[in-house]
Protein backbone atom coordinates (compact mmCIF):
# COMPACT_ATOMS: atom_id res chain seq x y z
CA PHE A 1 8.57 165.63 191.70
CA LEU A 2 7.70 164.77 195.28
CA TYR A 3 11.38 164.48 196.17
CA CYS A 4 12.04 168.11 195.51
CA GLN A 5 9.32 169.29 197.85
CA VAL A 6 10.79 167.44 200.82
CA LEU A 7 14.37 168.44 200.06
CA LYS A 8 14.62 171.41 202.39
CA ALA A 9 17.69 173.31 203.45
CA PHE A 10 18.51 170.87 206.24
CA ASP A 11 18.97 168.12 203.62
CA TYR A 12 21.63 170.21 201.96
CA PHE A 13 24.91 168.87 203.18
CA TYR A 14 28.47 168.41 202.02
CA PRO A 15 29.64 164.88 202.74
CA SER A 16 33.24 164.71 203.83
CA LYS A 17 35.96 164.09 201.27
CA GLY A 18 36.99 160.47 201.30
CA GLN A 19 33.36 159.39 201.09
CA GLN A 20 33.03 156.01 199.43
CA GLN A 21 31.98 155.71 195.81
CA MET A 22 28.29 156.25 195.09
CA TYR A 23 28.18 154.38 191.74
CA LYS A 24 29.66 151.28 190.20
CA LEU A 25 30.12 150.28 186.56
CA ASP A 26 27.58 147.82 185.18
CA ILE A 27 29.93 145.65 183.14
CA SER A 28 27.02 143.72 181.60
CA TRP A 29 25.73 146.80 179.73
CA PRO A 30 25.42 146.61 176.79
CA LYS A 31 25.36 142.88 176.14
CA ILE A 32 27.09 143.30 172.76
CA PRO A 33 29.29 146.44 172.61
CA GLU A 34 30.09 145.74 168.93
CA TYR A 35 26.92 147.62 167.97
CA PHE A 36 28.80 150.86 168.67
CA THR A 37 30.37 151.45 165.24
CA GLY A 38 30.75 155.25 165.30
CA GLN A 39 31.55 158.03 167.76
CA THR A 40 28.94 157.98 170.52
CA PHE A 41 28.06 161.61 171.22
CA CYS A 42 24.83 161.45 173.21
CA VAL A 43 22.49 159.20 175.15
CA ALA A 44 18.90 159.53 176.41
CA VAL A 45 16.89 157.26 178.68
CA ASP A 46 13.18 156.55 178.35
CA SER A 47 12.71 155.32 181.91
CA LEU A 48 8.97 154.80 181.40
CA HIS A 49 9.51 152.18 178.68
CA GLY A 50 12.97 150.95 179.68
CA LEU A 51 14.74 152.17 176.53
CA VAL A 52 18.12 153.80 175.95
CA TYR A 53 18.74 155.87 172.80
CA VAL A 54 22.31 156.47 171.63
CA GLY A 55 23.31 159.02 168.98
CA GLN A 56 26.51 158.27 167.09
CA ARG A 57 28.42 159.82 164.19
CA GLY A 58 30.42 158.40 161.34
CA ASP A 59 30.17 157.42 157.69
CA ASP A 60 27.88 154.50 156.95
CA VAL A 61 26.92 153.93 160.58
CA PRO A 62 23.39 153.94 162.02
CA LYS A 63 22.98 157.34 163.66
CA VAL A 64 20.57 156.23 166.41
CA LEU A 65 20.83 152.92 168.28
CA VAL A 66 18.14 151.73 170.67
CA PHE A 67 18.88 149.38 173.57
CA SER A 68 16.87 148.06 176.49
CA VAL A 69 17.94 149.17 179.97
CA GLU A 70 19.05 145.55 180.45
CA GLY A 71 21.55 146.05 177.63
CA TYR A 72 19.97 144.22 174.70
CA PHE A 73 20.23 145.87 171.27
CA LEU A 74 16.73 146.39 169.85
CA TYR A 75 16.94 148.36 166.60
CA SER A 76 18.51 151.37 164.91
CA TRP A 77 17.42 154.19 162.61
CA ASN A 78 19.12 156.63 160.36
CA ASP A 79 16.89 158.82 158.23
CA THR A 80 17.44 162.59 158.24
CA VAL A 81 19.99 162.49 161.08
CA GLU A 82 23.30 163.93 159.98
CA MET A 83 25.50 164.72 162.99
CA PRO A 84 23.63 164.13 166.24
CA HIS A 85 24.90 166.20 169.15
CA GLY A 86 22.23 166.05 171.88
CA ILE A 87 19.31 163.70 172.38
CA PHE A 88 16.30 163.84 174.71
CA VAL A 89 13.27 161.58 175.32
CA LEU A 90 9.93 163.18 176.17
CA ASN A 91 7.14 161.10 177.69
CA THR A 92 3.67 162.62 177.93
CA ALA A 93 0.39 161.07 179.03
CA THR A 94 -0.38 160.11 175.44
CA ASP A 95 2.89 159.35 173.67
CA SER A 96 6.68 159.39 173.59
CA SER A 97 9.05 161.19 171.28
CA VAL A 98 12.77 161.58 170.77
CA TRP A 99 14.32 165.01 170.20
CA ILE A 100 17.72 165.29 168.52
CA THR A 101 19.91 168.34 167.92
CA ASP A 102 21.77 168.05 164.61
CA VAL A 103 24.96 170.06 164.07
CA GLY A 104 25.68 168.78 160.56
CA ALA A 105 26.61 171.17 157.74
CA GLY A 106 24.61 169.30 155.09
CA LYS A 107 20.94 169.48 154.13
CA TYR A 108 19.64 168.20 157.51
CA GLY A 109 21.94 170.20 159.78
CA HIS A 110 21.43 173.19 162.11
CA THR A 111 18.12 171.78 163.29
CA VAL A 112 16.30 170.38 166.30
CA LYS A 113 14.15 167.42 165.25
CA GLN A 114 11.41 165.38 166.85
CA TYR A 115 11.06 161.68 166.02
CA SER A 116 8.76 158.87 166.97
CA PRO A 117 10.46 156.10 169.00
CA SER A 118 10.81 154.09 165.78
CA GLY A 119 12.55 156.94 163.95
CA LYS A 120 9.74 158.60 162.00
CA LEU A 121 10.43 162.31 161.57
CA LEU A 122 7.61 164.32 163.16
CA GLN A 123 8.90 167.88 163.38
CA ILE A 124 11.80 170.08 162.30
CA LEU A 125 12.76 173.26 164.15
CA GLY A 126 15.23 175.54 162.42
CA THR A 127 16.06 175.89 158.74
CA PRO A 128 17.58 172.62 157.52
CA GLY A 129 21.01 173.18 156.04
CA ASN A 130 21.11 176.88 156.93
CA ALA A 131 22.75 178.29 160.03
CA GLY A 132 21.32 181.50 161.42
CA SER A 133 20.25 183.56 164.42
CA SER A 134 16.72 184.52 163.40
CA LEU A 135 13.82 183.95 165.78
CA ASN A 136 11.13 184.31 163.12
CA PRO A 137 11.48 181.92 161.41
CA ILE A 138 13.59 180.23 164.04
CA GLN A 139 17.15 179.35 163.09
CA PHE A 140 20.00 177.63 164.89
CA ASP A 141 23.74 177.32 164.39
CA GLN A 142 24.99 174.00 165.76
CA PRO A 143 22.36 173.59 168.51
CA ALA A 144 23.99 171.59 171.31
CA GLU A 145 21.14 170.17 173.40
CA ILE A 146 17.44 170.36 174.16
CA PHE A 147 15.38 169.75 177.30
CA VAL A 148 11.60 169.44 176.94
CA GLU A 149 9.18 169.65 179.85
CA GLU A 150 6.00 167.56 180.04
CA SER A 151 4.07 170.77 179.37
CA GLY A 152 5.80 170.96 175.98
CA ASP A 153 7.88 174.02 176.85
CA MET A 154 11.43 173.50 175.65
CA TYR A 155 14.90 174.83 176.33
CA VAL A 156 17.56 174.84 173.61
CA VAL A 157 21.23 175.68 174.07
CA ASP A 158 22.52 177.01 170.75
CA GLY A 159 25.27 176.44 169.88
CA ASP A 160 28.19 174.15 169.86
CA GLY A 161 30.77 176.57 168.47
CA GLY A 162 28.64 178.38 165.91
CA MET A 163 27.64 182.04 165.71
CA ASN A 164 25.07 181.75 168.52
CA ASN A 165 25.77 181.49 172.24
CA ARG A 166 22.28 181.49 173.69
CA LEU A 167 19.65 179.75 175.75
CA LEU A 168 16.18 179.80 174.21
CA LYS A 169 12.90 178.93 175.87
CA LEU A 170 10.26 178.01 173.32
CA SER A 171 6.53 177.52 173.78
CA THR A 172 4.55 174.46 172.70
CA ASP A 173 4.00 176.15 169.32
CA TYR A 174 7.78 176.81 169.03
CA LYS A 175 7.68 180.56 169.59
CA GLU A 176 10.25 182.34 171.75
CA ILE A 177 9.16 182.87 175.36
CA TRP A 178 12.52 184.25 176.45
CA LEU A 179 16.11 184.25 175.35
CA SER A 180 19.32 184.71 177.29
CA GLY A 181 22.77 185.05 176.03
CA GLU A 182 25.27 186.25 173.57
CA ASN A 183 28.96 185.51 173.22
CA GLY A 184 30.84 186.70 176.28
CA THR A 185 31.96 186.06 179.83
CA GLY A 186 29.48 188.29 181.67
CA ILE A 187 26.33 187.37 183.57
CA GLY A 188 23.93 185.53 181.27
CA GLN A 189 26.48 185.41 178.44
CA PHE A 190 27.91 182.15 177.13
CA LYS A 191 30.88 180.60 175.45
CA ILE A 192 29.56 177.33 174.05
CA PRO A 193 26.40 176.60 176.08
CA HIS A 194 26.62 172.83 175.79
CA SER A 195 23.94 171.19 177.94
CA VAL A 196 20.70 172.18 179.67
CA THR A 197 18.42 170.69 182.30
CA VAL A 198 15.58 171.83 184.58
CA ASP A 199 15.09 171.00 188.26
CA CYS A 200 11.79 170.69 190.10
CA TYR A 201 12.10 174.14 191.68
CA GLY A 202 11.75 175.77 188.27
CA ARG A 203 15.43 176.51 187.69
CA VAL A 204 17.22 176.02 184.38
CA TRP A 205 20.84 174.82 184.61
CA VAL A 206 23.21 175.41 181.69
CA ALA A 207 26.71 173.98 181.18
CA ASP A 208 28.55 177.10 179.96
CA ARG A 209 31.41 174.99 178.70
CA ASP A 210 34.16 177.34 177.59
CA ASN A 211 33.47 179.79 180.42
CA LYS A 212 34.06 176.84 182.79
CA ARG A 213 30.89 177.45 184.76
CA ILE A 214 27.27 176.46 185.19
CA GLN A 215 24.71 179.27 184.99
CA VAL A 216 21.24 179.08 186.53
CA PHE A 217 18.06 180.85 185.37
CA ASP A 218 14.44 181.13 186.45
CA LYS A 219 12.43 179.03 184.03
CA VAL A 220 9.42 181.35 184.06
CA THR A 221 11.10 184.72 183.65
CA GLY A 222 14.55 183.85 182.32
CA GLU A 223 16.07 185.85 185.17
CA TRP A 224 19.69 184.97 186.01
CA LEU A 225 19.88 183.35 189.46
CA GLY A 226 23.54 182.53 189.89
CA ALA A 227 26.59 180.70 188.60
CA TRP A 228 28.94 177.98 189.73
CA SER A 229 32.57 178.17 188.66
CA SER A 230 34.90 177.09 191.48
CA CYS A 231 34.44 173.37 190.71
CA PHE A 232 35.56 173.66 187.10
CA SER A 233 39.06 175.13 187.19
CA GLU A 234 40.52 171.99 185.57
CA ASP A 235 37.91 171.57 182.85
CA GLY A 236 34.57 173.10 181.95
CA PRO A 237 31.24 171.30 182.36
CA TYR A 238 30.10 169.40 179.27
CA SER A 239 26.85 167.89 180.53
CA VAL A 240 24.36 168.62 183.34
CA ARG A 241 21.75 166.17 184.66
CA PHE A 242 20.03 165.76 188.03
CA THR A 243 19.89 162.46 189.87
CA SER A 244 16.46 160.90 190.17
CA ASP A 245 16.00 162.27 193.71
CA TYR A 246 17.21 165.75 192.63
CA LYS A 247 19.77 165.78 195.44
CA TYR A 248 22.78 165.82 193.14
CA LEU A 249 23.86 167.25 189.82
CA ILE A 250 25.96 164.97 187.60
CA VAL A 251 28.45 166.93 185.48
CA ALA A 252 30.66 165.44 182.76
CA GLN A 253 34.14 166.94 182.34
CA MET A 254 35.38 165.55 179.05
CA ASN A 255 39.03 166.55 179.03
CA ILE A 256 39.78 165.12 182.48
CA ASN A 257 37.59 162.01 181.91
CA ARG A 258 35.52 162.63 185.01
CA LEU A 259 31.94 162.82 186.20
CA ALA A 260 31.65 165.23 189.09
CA ILE A 261 28.77 164.72 191.54
CA LEU A 262 27.68 168.04 193.00
CA ALA A 263 25.29 168.81 195.86
CA ALA A 264 22.09 170.36 194.49
CA PRO A 265 21.10 173.54 196.33
CA PRO A 266 17.69 173.93 197.98
CA VAL A 267 15.14 176.40 196.74
CA GLY A 268 16.16 180.03 197.02
CA ILE A 269 19.88 179.34 197.27
CA ILE A 270 22.39 178.91 194.47
CA GLY A 271 25.59 179.66 196.39
CA ASP A 272 28.70 178.01 195.04
CA CYS A 273 29.25 174.42 194.04
CA ALA A 274 30.54 171.57 196.17
CA ILE A 275 31.79 168.34 194.63
CA VAL A 276 30.71 165.56 196.98
CA ASN A 277 31.92 162.63 194.90
CA ALA A 278 33.29 161.77 191.46
CA ILE A 279 33.48 158.93 188.97
CA GLN A 280 36.95 158.83 187.44
CA LEU A 281 36.89 157.21 184.01
CA ALA A 282 39.81 155.70 182.12
CA ASP A 283 42.16 157.99 180.19
CA GLU A 284 40.95 159.13 176.77
CA THR A 285 37.40 157.97 177.51
CA LYS A 286 36.14 161.52 176.86
CA PRO A 287 32.64 161.61 178.41
CA HIS A 288 30.59 164.02 176.29
CA LEU A 289 26.95 163.95 177.40
CA VAL A 290 25.14 161.91 180.04
CA ASP A 291 21.58 161.00 180.95
CA ILE A 292 19.95 159.48 184.01
CA ASP A 293 17.31 156.80 184.33
CA MET A 294 14.80 158.52 186.62
CA LYS A 295 13.43 155.14 187.68
CA SER A 296 16.59 153.19 188.60
CA GLY A 297 18.94 156.13 189.13
CA ALA A 298 21.49 154.67 186.69
CA ILE A 299 23.81 157.05 184.82
CA TYR A 300 24.50 156.48 181.13
CA ILE A 301 27.62 158.14 179.71
CA ALA A 302 28.24 158.74 175.99
CA GLU A 303 32.01 158.57 175.54
CA ILE A 304 33.52 159.97 172.34
CA GLY A 305 37.04 158.73 172.99
CA ALA A 306 36.11 155.19 173.96
CA GLN A 307 33.33 155.10 171.32
CA GLN A 308 30.91 153.50 173.73
CA VAL A 309 28.15 154.19 176.24
CA GLN A 310 28.75 153.02 179.79
CA LYS A 311 26.18 152.48 182.52
CA TYR A 312 26.88 153.25 186.18
CA VAL A 313 24.43 152.12 188.84
CA PRO A 314 23.93 153.52 192.35
CA ILE A 315 25.61 151.48 195.07
């Protein structure tokens, strides 16, 4: 997190329009695209071990595919995953795990689950098969995405069109630390909170999809810090991830097949958003969720329409 400490206000700039592209497509990734047999909804990078996890949906398809960052297919797993929506890799000093939000309506759905890298189920949060809003025991209704810090604290956006429209911060023992949100358009309210990430200044960024804005919160207190809306008049934000140097926020806009690259604000300022660059994808690609390799800076895009994951590398 050294980068964030040196990124002071004077580094905060808006490059002129007409700036050249910052990323290019890696056409060699993956080596064999035929492994994508379902709808690819989510992707997560384990930059420590050079692995890329892809969650896909469909009948009789493996729900999780694992590739190397070079693009080689390694293995897949399937148990207890019904309809993956979001996926996240956590690396700690001792081990790695994969967290998946499951929005299925069957016996495994409405849960947030932790797996070993090989697909062994380690933990279930929520009440499998039962949607709800309870905090004790904790329940979800179509939880969209999860972000877990190295400390074990986690942030869940719940849900993807269900009864809940909330951001939950949970402790390492899965108890509520704070909660923000209900259905609405006001400050701290959500209409389909769809993606969540945390920067190194201790701010939580949420893609408030159907309100066409990003909302920002203090990770310690849950206090609302600001919102960005002017960049999303054409289409709401579907996914939020920071670049590896924390200078930019990558935002997927599914319905206009675009990744917007926004300048990240320095500490103490949220202001309004500025799009400094964009990656325009082909029509009907439908980028849903993205993740970033914090080592190489590469962006991986899970595309529902194209039924593939694409890799873009910094130029």
